[in-house]
Amino acid sequence: MDYQPQNNNQGIQSLVELGANGHYPLFPPEWFASLSLTSNFAISKSDKEKTHKIINRMCQHRSLDRKRTILYSLTEKEREIFLKVFFSMVEDKLMSKKPELH
């Protein structure tokens, strides 16, 4: 899934930039333990729409605490989908910075 943040979503873009540098301030480490990031994970259209809505909700807030609150309110499945999409965005950012990695 290639969800590209819009220009007005500076908060998400800055979090993606932090993620590209290996820093994930929104996510507690235990969320990564249960996450399986395989190269062929598929996300349905309804999951894409849900993730888009979550990102839009997060963009309405400036503080990390409020963004975390949104993530903590998600079900485990929604959180996993969000993490996969977020890591996909980070991967796209890394690939655009270093085209030799393709």
Foldseek 3Di string as FASTA:
>chain_A
DDDDDDPLLVVLVVQLVVVLVPDHVLDDPVLVVPADADPDDDDDPVLVVVLVVLSVVLSVDDDSVVNSVSLVPDDSVNNNSNVNNSVVSSVVVNCVVPVVVD
